[in-house]
C-alpha cells in the first residue's frame, strides 16, 4: 500500500487526487504462481514532485526518478516522411 511520495526527500502523505501513480509488474505472468504475494508494485509522486521528476523504467524490477527537464531533453523527436 502506498503511504508517502516515493521521492526520498519528500514526506508528503498519499493523496490519490494529485500527483502521478504508476504500477510495474515484478514478474512476467508466466513466472507468477500461488506463492507470489504481490507481483504488481505501485509508486506515487506527490503533485509537487511530479512537476519536477518523472519515473524512469530501467528494467522489469527497477524504477528510478529522473529530472523531468532531463527526460524531456533526451526524448527523440519522431521523424515524419511527407508524401508528395
Protein backbone atom coordinates (compact mmCIF):
# COMPACT_ATOMS: atom_id res chain seq x y z
CA UNK A 1 0.00 0.00 0.00
CA UNK A 2 1.25 3.48 -0.86
CA UNK A 3 1.64 5.74 2.15
CA UNK A 4 4.01 8.53 1.04
CA UNK A 5 5.61 10.10 -2.01
CA UNK A 6 8.34 7.80 -3.35
CA UNK A 7 10.81 10.70 -3.51
CA UNK A 8 13.07 10.02 -0.51
CA UNK A 9 13.49 13.79 0.05
CA UNK A 10 9.72 14.27 0.35
CA UNK A 11 7.35 13.00 3.00
CA UNK A 12 4.01 14.05 1.51
CA UNK A 13 1.24 11.64 2.55
CA UNK A 14 -0.52 9.74 -0.25
CA UNK A 15 -3.40 11.60 -1.88
CA UNK A 16 -4.91 9.92 -4.94
CA UNK A 17 -6.31 13.26 -6.15
CA UNK A 18 -2.90 14.70 -7.00
CA UNK A 19 0.42 13.64 -8.44
CA UNK A 20 1.28 10.63 -10.55
CA UNK A 21 0.94 6.94 -9.80
CA UNK A 22 2.49 4.11 -11.79
CA UNK A 23 2.48 0.37 -11.41
CA UNK A 24 5.01 -2.16 -12.53
CA UNK A 25 4.80 -5.91 -12.69
CA UNK A 26 7.61 -7.54 -10.73
CA UNK A 27 7.24 -10.78 -12.67
CA UNK A 28 6.09 -11.95 -16.05
CA UNK A 29 2.67 -13.67 -16.00
CA UNK A 30 4.37 -16.97 -16.81
CA UNK A 31 6.54 -16.55 -13.68
CA UNK A 32 3.63 -15.87 -11.33
CA UNK A 33 2.48 -18.63 -9.03
CA UNK A 34 0.37 -19.02 -5.91
CA UNK A 35 3.41 -18.39 -3.66
CA UNK A 36 3.91 -14.89 -5.09
CA UNK A 37 2.15 -12.38 -2.84
CA UNK A 38 2.19 -9.17 -4.90
CA UNK A 39 3.53 -9.37 -8.44
CA UNK A 40 2.45 -5.74 -9.07
CA UNK A 41 4.03 -2.80 -7.25
CA UNK A 42 2.73 0.78 -7.18
CA UNK A 43 4.75 4.00 -6.96
CA UNK A 44 3.43 7.52 -6.39
CA UNK A 45 4.89 11.03 -6.73
CA UNK A 46 3.03 13.85 -4.99
CA UNK A 47 1.82 16.82 -7.05
CA UNK A 48 4.87 18.94 -6.27
CA UNK A 49 7.39 16.18 -7.04
CA UNK A 50 5.55 15.08 -10.19
CA UNK A 51 6.20 18.55 -11.64
CA UNK A 52 9.94 18.12 -11.08
CA UNK A 53 10.53 14.39 -11.61
CA UNK A 54 9.38 11.55 -13.84
CA UNK A 55 9.68 7.81 -13.37
CA UNK A 56 12.31 6.11 -15.48
CA UNK A 57 11.80 2.41 -16.08
CA UNK A 58 15.18 0.70 -16.21
CA UNK A 59 14.26 -2.94 -16.12
CA UNK A 60 11.42 -5.17 -15.09
CA UNK A 61 12.31 -4.71 -11.42
CA UNK A 62 13.93 -1.28 -11.33
CA UNK A 63 12.31 2.15 -11.39
CA UNK A 64 14.11 5.39 -10.62
CA UNK A 65 13.37 9.10 -10.53
CA UNK A 66 14.74 11.41 -13.18
CA UNK A 67 14.51 15.16 -13.60
CA UNK A 68 11.58 15.99 -15.88
CA UNK A 69 13.75 18.53 -17.73
CA UNK A 70 16.47 15.96 -18.35
CA UNK A 71 13.94 13.38 -19.54
CA UNK A 72 12.32 15.88 -21.93
CA UNK A 73 15.67 16.86 -23.43
CA UNK A 74 16.54 13.21 -24.10
CA UNK A 75 13.27 12.46 -25.89
CA UNK A 76 13.76 11.83 -29.55
CA UNK A 77 11.58 13.81 -31.90
CA UNK A 78 9.76 11.47 -34.28
CA UNK A 79 10.65 11.94 -37.91
CA UNK A 80 7.82 12.08 -40.40
CA UNK A 81 8.05 11.49 -44.11
CA UNK A 82 5.88 13.73 -46.20
CA UNK A 83 4.01 12.31 -49.14
CA UNK A 84 4.28 14.41 -52.26
